[in-house]
Protein backbone atom coordinates (compact mmCIF):
# COMPACT_ATOMS: atom_id res chain seq x y z
CA MET A 1 10.08 -19.11 -10.11
CA THR A 2 7.41 -21.16 -9.01
CA MET A 3 4.50 -21.95 -10.98
CA PRO A 4 2.01 -18.85 -11.11
CA ARG A 5 -0.92 -18.93 -9.23
CA SER A 6 -3.08 -16.18 -10.93
CA LYS A 7 -3.33 -14.73 -14.65
CA SER A 8 -0.83 -12.13 -13.24
CA TYR A 9 2.66 -12.91 -12.44
CA ASN A 10 6.27 -11.55 -13.80
CA THR A 11 7.11 -12.67 -17.43
CA TYR A 12 9.51 -10.43 -17.39
CA SER A 13 12.90 -12.01 -18.47
CA SER A 14 15.06 -9.65 -16.10
CA LEU A 15 14.83 -6.89 -13.84
CA GLN A 16 14.16 -3.12 -16.03
CA ARG A 17 16.51 -0.22 -14.99
CA PRO A 18 18.18 -1.93 -12.36
CA GLU A 19 20.90 0.99 -11.37
CA PHE A 20 17.49 3.18 -10.76
CA ARG A 21 16.06 -0.15 -9.09
CA LYS A 22 18.89 0.58 -6.46
CA ARG A 23 18.41 4.23 -5.92
CA VAL A 24 14.49 3.44 -5.11
CA ASP A 25 14.98 0.24 -2.90
CA GLU A 26 17.57 2.46 -0.93
CA LEU A 27 14.65 5.35 -0.73
CA LEU A 28 11.98 2.72 0.63
CA LEU A 29 14.86 0.74 2.89
CA LYS A 30 14.91 4.66 4.72
CA PHE A 31 11.63 5.60 4.77
CA GLU A 32 10.66 2.00 6.48
CA ARG A 33 13.77 2.96 8.98
CA ASP A 34 11.65 6.08 9.72
CA PHE A 35 8.58 5.22 10.02
CA TYR A 36 9.55 2.80 12.67
CA GLU A 37 11.83 5.32 14.47
CA LYS A 38 9.60 8.76 14.18
CA SER A 39 5.47 7.34 13.70
CA LYS A 40 4.08 7.09 17.28
CA GLY A 41 2.85 3.07 17.89
CA ALA A 42 5.06 2.35 14.49
CA GLU A 43 7.21 0.55 16.66
CA GLY A 44 4.66 -1.13 18.59
CA MET A 45 3.52 -3.58 15.74
CA LEU A 46 6.80 -5.27 16.50
CA ASP A 47 6.43 -5.64 19.98
CA ALA A 48 3.59 -8.52 21.53
CA ASN A 49 2.90 -6.29 24.10
CA SER A 50 1.48 -3.32 22.63
CA PHE A 51 -0.94 -5.51 20.74
CA ASP A 52 -3.84 -3.84 20.18
CA MET A 53 -6.72 -5.29 18.99
CA ASP A 54 -9.00 -2.83 17.81
CA LEU A 55 -6.05 -1.70 16.15
CA TYR A 56 -5.32 -5.25 14.01
CA LYS A 57 -9.08 -4.55 12.97
CA ARG A 58 -8.99 -1.06 12.24
CA HIS A 59 -5.75 -2.12 10.22
CA ASN A 60 -7.69 -4.79 7.93
CA VAL A 61 -10.37 -2.73 7.89
CA GLU A 62 -8.55 0.17 5.99
CA THR A 63 -7.12 -2.35 4.00
CA MET A 64 -9.97 -3.81 2.69
CA ILE A 65 -11.46 -0.18 2.03
CA ARG A 66 -8.19 0.75 0.17
CA ILE A 67 -8.35 -2.11 -1.80
CA GLY A 68 -11.93 -1.33 -3.00
CA LEU A 69 -11.14 1.87 -3.68
CA LYS A 70 -7.82 0.98 -6.10
CA ARG A 71 -10.62 -1.23 -7.56
CA ALA A 72 -12.13 1.73 -9.23
CA VAL A 73 -8.62 3.19 -10.36
CA ASP A 74 -7.21 0.38 -11.96
CA PRO A 75 -9.67 -0.24 -14.65
CA LEU A 76 -8.93 3.59 -15.48
CA VAL A 77 -4.80 3.06 -15.54
CA ALA A 78 -5.55 0.08 -17.68
CA ASN A 79 -8.02 2.25 -20.45
CA TYR A 80 -5.20 5.18 -20.09
CA TRP A 81 -3.18 2.82 -21.78
CA ALA A 82 -4.89 1.31 -24.24
CA THR A 83 -3.97 3.06 -27.52
CA ARG A 84 -0.66 4.14 -26.12
CA ASP A 85 0.77 0.85 -24.86
CA PRO A 86 -1.54 -2.39 -25.56
CA GLN A 87 0.80 -4.40 -23.72
CA LEU A 88 1.02 -2.70 -20.48
CA SER A 89 -2.63 -2.15 -20.75
CA LYS A 90 -3.28 -6.14 -20.84
CA GLU A 91 -0.50 -6.73 -18.18
CA TRP A 92 -1.78 -3.77 -15.77
CA GLY A 93 -5.58 -5.11 -16.47
CA LEU A 94 -4.78 -8.47 -15.35
CA TYR A 95 -2.49 -6.97 -12.46
CA GLY A 96 -5.90 -4.89 -11.01
CA ALA A 97 -8.35 -7.39 -11.46
CA GLU A 98 -6.02 -9.87 -9.38
CA GLU A 99 -5.53 -7.45 -6.82
CA GLY A 100 -9.01 -5.62 -6.84
CA ARG A 101 -10.67 -8.96 -5.40
CA HIS A 102 -8.04 -9.20 -2.41
CA ASP A 103 -10.42 -7.38 0.10
CA ARG A 104 -12.27 -10.82 0.74
CA MET A 105 -9.16 -11.94 1.96
CA PHE A 106 -8.88 -9.97 4.67
CA ALA A 107 -12.30 -9.59 5.49
CA GLY A 108 -12.25 -13.79 6.35
CA ASP A 109 -9.40 -12.71 9.32
CA LEU A 110 -12.11 -10.12 10.09
CA HIS A 111 -14.40 -12.66 10.18
CA LYS A 112 -12.94 -14.10 12.68
CA VAL A 113 -12.66 -12.21 14.92
CA GLY A 114 -16.07 -11.13 15.30
CA MET A 115 -16.57 -8.71 12.69
CA THR A 116 -19.45 -8.97 10.66
CA ASP A 117 -19.54 -7.80 6.31
CA GLU A 118 -21.93 -5.17 7.84
CA GLU A 119 -19.91 -4.03 10.41
CA ILE A 120 -16.57 -4.01 8.16
CA TYR A 121 -18.46 -1.71 5.35
CA ALA A 122 -20.14 -0.07 8.03
CA ILE A 123 -16.98 1.99 8.20
CA ARG A 124 -15.74 5.27 6.00
CA PRO A 125 -11.99 5.26 5.27
CA THR A 126 -9.57 7.23 6.99
CA PHE A 127 -9.16 10.98 5.62
CA ALA A 128 -5.47 9.94 5.08
CA THR A 129 -6.59 7.42 2.47
CA GLU A 130 -9.02 9.50 0.67
CA LEU A 131 -6.57 12.22 0.23
CA LEU A 132 -4.34 9.38 -1.50
CA ASN A 133 -6.90 8.51 -3.97
CA GLY A 134 -7.95 11.89 -4.23
CA TYR A 135 -3.98 12.55 -5.50
CA PHE A 136 -4.49 9.23 -8.20
CA TYR A 137 -7.73 11.08 -9.73
CA TYR A 138 -5.62 14.10 -9.72
CA THR A 139 -3.11 13.08 -11.45
CA LEU A 140 -4.61 10.92 -13.82
CA ALA A 141 -6.61 14.19 -14.73
CA THR A 142 -3.28 16.43 -15.55
CA GLU A 143 -0.33 14.05 -15.90
CA GLY A 144 -1.34 10.44 -15.97
CA PRO A 145 -1.81 6.83 -14.20
CA LEU A 146 2.01 6.71 -12.92
CA ALA A 147 1.24 7.92 -9.56
CA SER A 148 -1.31 5.20 -9.22
CA MET A 149 1.21 2.43 -10.74
CA ILE A 150 3.81 3.67 -8.17
CA SER A 151 1.44 3.28 -5.20
CA GLY A 152 0.68 -0.17 -6.69
CA PHE A 153 4.85 -1.08 -6.54
CA TYR A 154 4.99 1.07 -3.19
CA LEU A 155 2.52 -1.48 -1.42
CA GLU A 156 3.94 -4.54 -2.79
CA TYR A 157 7.49 -3.82 -1.54
CA ILE A 158 6.54 -2.20 1.68
CA ALA A 159 4.07 -5.03 2.75
CA GLY A 160 6.83 -8.41 2.05
CA LYS A 161 9.35 -6.09 4.21
CA THR A 162 6.90 -5.33 6.98
CA GLN A 163 4.16 -7.54 7.12
CA PRO A 164 5.55 -10.96 7.66
CA ASP A 165 7.13 -9.59 11.15
CA TRP A 166 3.77 -7.93 11.93
CA LEU A 167 1.35 -11.06 11.05
CA ASP A 168 4.11 -13.03 13.33
CA ILE A 169 3.19 -10.65 16.48
CA MET A 170 -0.42 -11.11 15.74
CA GLU A 171 -0.91 -14.22 15.29
CA GLN A 172 0.42 -14.32 19.27
CA HIS A 173 -2.90 -12.75 19.55
CA VAL A 174 -5.20 -13.70 17.37
CA GLY A 175 -3.96 -16.82 16.27
CA ALA A 176 -2.24 -18.61 13.13
CA ASN A 177 -5.89 -19.74 11.82
CA ASN A 178 -6.87 -16.03 11.89
CA THR A 179 -4.55 -14.52 9.54
CA LYS A 180 -4.83 -16.71 6.67
CA GLY A 181 -6.12 -14.01 4.58
CA ALA A 182 -3.70 -12.30 4.96
CA ARG A 183 -0.96 -14.74 5.13
CA ALA A 184 -2.26 -15.67 1.43
CA HIS A 185 -2.27 -12.73 0.01
CA LEU A 186 1.94 -12.50 0.73
CA ALA A 187 1.96 -15.72 -0.93
CA LEU A 188 0.39 -14.82 -3.94
CA ASP A 189 2.13 -11.90 -4.22
CA GLU A 190 5.45 -13.80 -3.61
CA ASP A 191 4.87 -16.52 -5.50
CA ASP A 192 3.84 -14.13 -9.01
CA ASP A 193 6.80 -12.07 -8.02
CA HIS A 194 4.22 -9.04 -8.06
CA VAL A 195 7.21 -6.41 -6.60
CA ASP A 196 9.58 -6.91 -9.80
CA MET A 197 6.71 -7.31 -11.71
CA VAL A 198 4.73 -4.35 -10.92
CA TRP A 199 8.48 -2.71 -11.23
CA ASN A 200 8.88 -3.91 -14.69
CA MET A 201 5.20 -2.85 -15.66
CA ILE A 202 5.92 0.57 -14.93
CA MET A 203 9.60 0.64 -16.03
CA ARG A 204 8.23 0.59 -19.55
CA VAL A 205 7.06 4.22 -19.35
CA ILE A 206 10.15 5.89 -17.53
CA LYS A 207 12.59 6.60 -20.39
CA THR A 208 14.48 9.65 -18.84
CA GLU A 209 15.92 11.09 -16.18
CA GLU A 210 13.12 13.86 -15.70
CA ASP A 211 10.57 10.39 -15.51
CA GLU A 212 12.70 9.16 -12.76
CA GLU A 213 12.39 12.09 -10.88
CA ARG A 214 8.69 11.95 -11.08
CA PHE A 215 8.75 8.26 -10.02
CA VAL A 216 10.73 9.80 -6.76
CA GLU A 217 9.04 12.62 -6.45
CA HIS A 218 5.26 10.19 -6.78
CA LEU A 219 6.87 7.74 -4.62
CA THR A 220 7.72 9.84 -1.71
CA LYS A 221 4.30 11.76 -1.55
CA ILE A 222 2.75 8.67 -1.46
CA ASN A 223 4.60 7.21 1.49
CA SER A 224 3.95 9.96 3.43
CA LEU A 225 0.25 9.81 2.69
CA PHE A 226 0.71 5.72 3.83
CA VAL A 227 2.38 6.89 6.90
CA SER A 228 -0.25 9.50 7.82
CA TYR A 229 -3.08 6.58 7.39
CA PHE A 230 -1.26 4.80 10.12
CA VAL A 231 -1.23 7.83 12.52
CA GLU A 232 -4.12 8.53 11.88
CA VAL A 233 -5.72 4.83 12.69
CA TYR A 234 -3.43 4.69 16.02
CA ALA A 235 -4.62 8.01 17.21
CA SER A 236 -8.26 6.68 16.65
CA THR A 237 -8.19 3.47 17.86
CA VAL A 238 -5.11 3.34 20.44
CA LEU A 239 -5.17 6.97 21.63
CA GLY A 240 -8.78 7.10 21.69
CA LEU A 241 -9.53 9.70 19.18
CA GLY A 242 -12.23 8.14 17.17
CA SER A 243 -14.64 10.04 18.54
CA ASP A 244 -12.79 13.12 17.59
CA PRO A 245 -12.80 13.77 13.72
CA SER A 246 -11.53 17.67 14.29
CA GLN A 247 -8.13 16.28 15.77
CA LEU A 248 -8.29 13.30 13.41
CA THR A 249 -8.85 14.94 10.22
CA GLN A 250 -5.82 17.59 11.30
CA ALA A 251 -3.96 14.37 12.27
CA ALA A 252 -3.11 12.42 8.62
CA PRO A 253 -2.25 15.69 6.64
CA ALA A 254 0.18 16.97 9.22
CA ALA A 255 1.43 13.45 9.55
CA ALA A 256 2.09 14.04 6.11
CA VAL A 257 3.55 16.80 5.54
CA GLN A 258 6.28 16.58 7.97
CA THR A 259 6.69 12.98 6.56
CA ASN A 260 7.72 14.33 2.86
CA LEU A 261 9.15 17.47 4.30
CA GLN A 262 11.63 15.56 6.51
CA ALA A 263 12.07 12.87 3.12
CA ARG A 264 12.82 15.80 1.36
CA ALA A 265 15.34 17.55 3.14
CA ALA A 266 17.41 14.18 3.78
CA ALA A 267 17.40 13.96 -0.10
CA VAL A 268 19.46 17.17 -0.24
């Protein structure tokens, strides 16, 4: 492992629950494959001829919004574990503090393509992002912070799989100098081994087969909401539905339900 770049890096000597991780890896690869095959516009993220500047900007803005919203959730996660697992509380607190600052990396990229902070922060989150954060608070109130923690693992894993290829395409249009923030974000996550680090933190509280099944349930729902976020952003930019809130608010839950049902059917 390279020297850590932040105070939040993988300190575990080995991967926890490796057999369960194999199952989760296979599920995530299926999620990624289904996203490109079944979500309108997704395949265009790998096609330089399909690049859309409005989609590029809106995607980065939503990334910033999502980081900012999660910045308010992560301290609640750390607080939950303070009396239950102090070591996990410390580890998650450091992780949340580090990740919560990364929105400004993406802001720098947006500034280079002409957006100001005033324009960025005037944009409200997608309905899909609001639903995702509602799920975090609901599950935190009714069962604990597992869903929010799994979302961290999901994002670390999926970003590592998809963003390098997406950025290769984007850089053909905006230039490599204008994606330095996104590249720096990926590099930090890789150097500090955030995928396995977050996995290992979560595995501290996964003890039984029932816990594993609940993990998979949360992961499936979280994936559905992230797919619906892309559907909503694509519809508002490329399809030009940004001025029709009624269609956009229907697009997000419809996409989430469809994705979730497909995932459940495939698991049967």
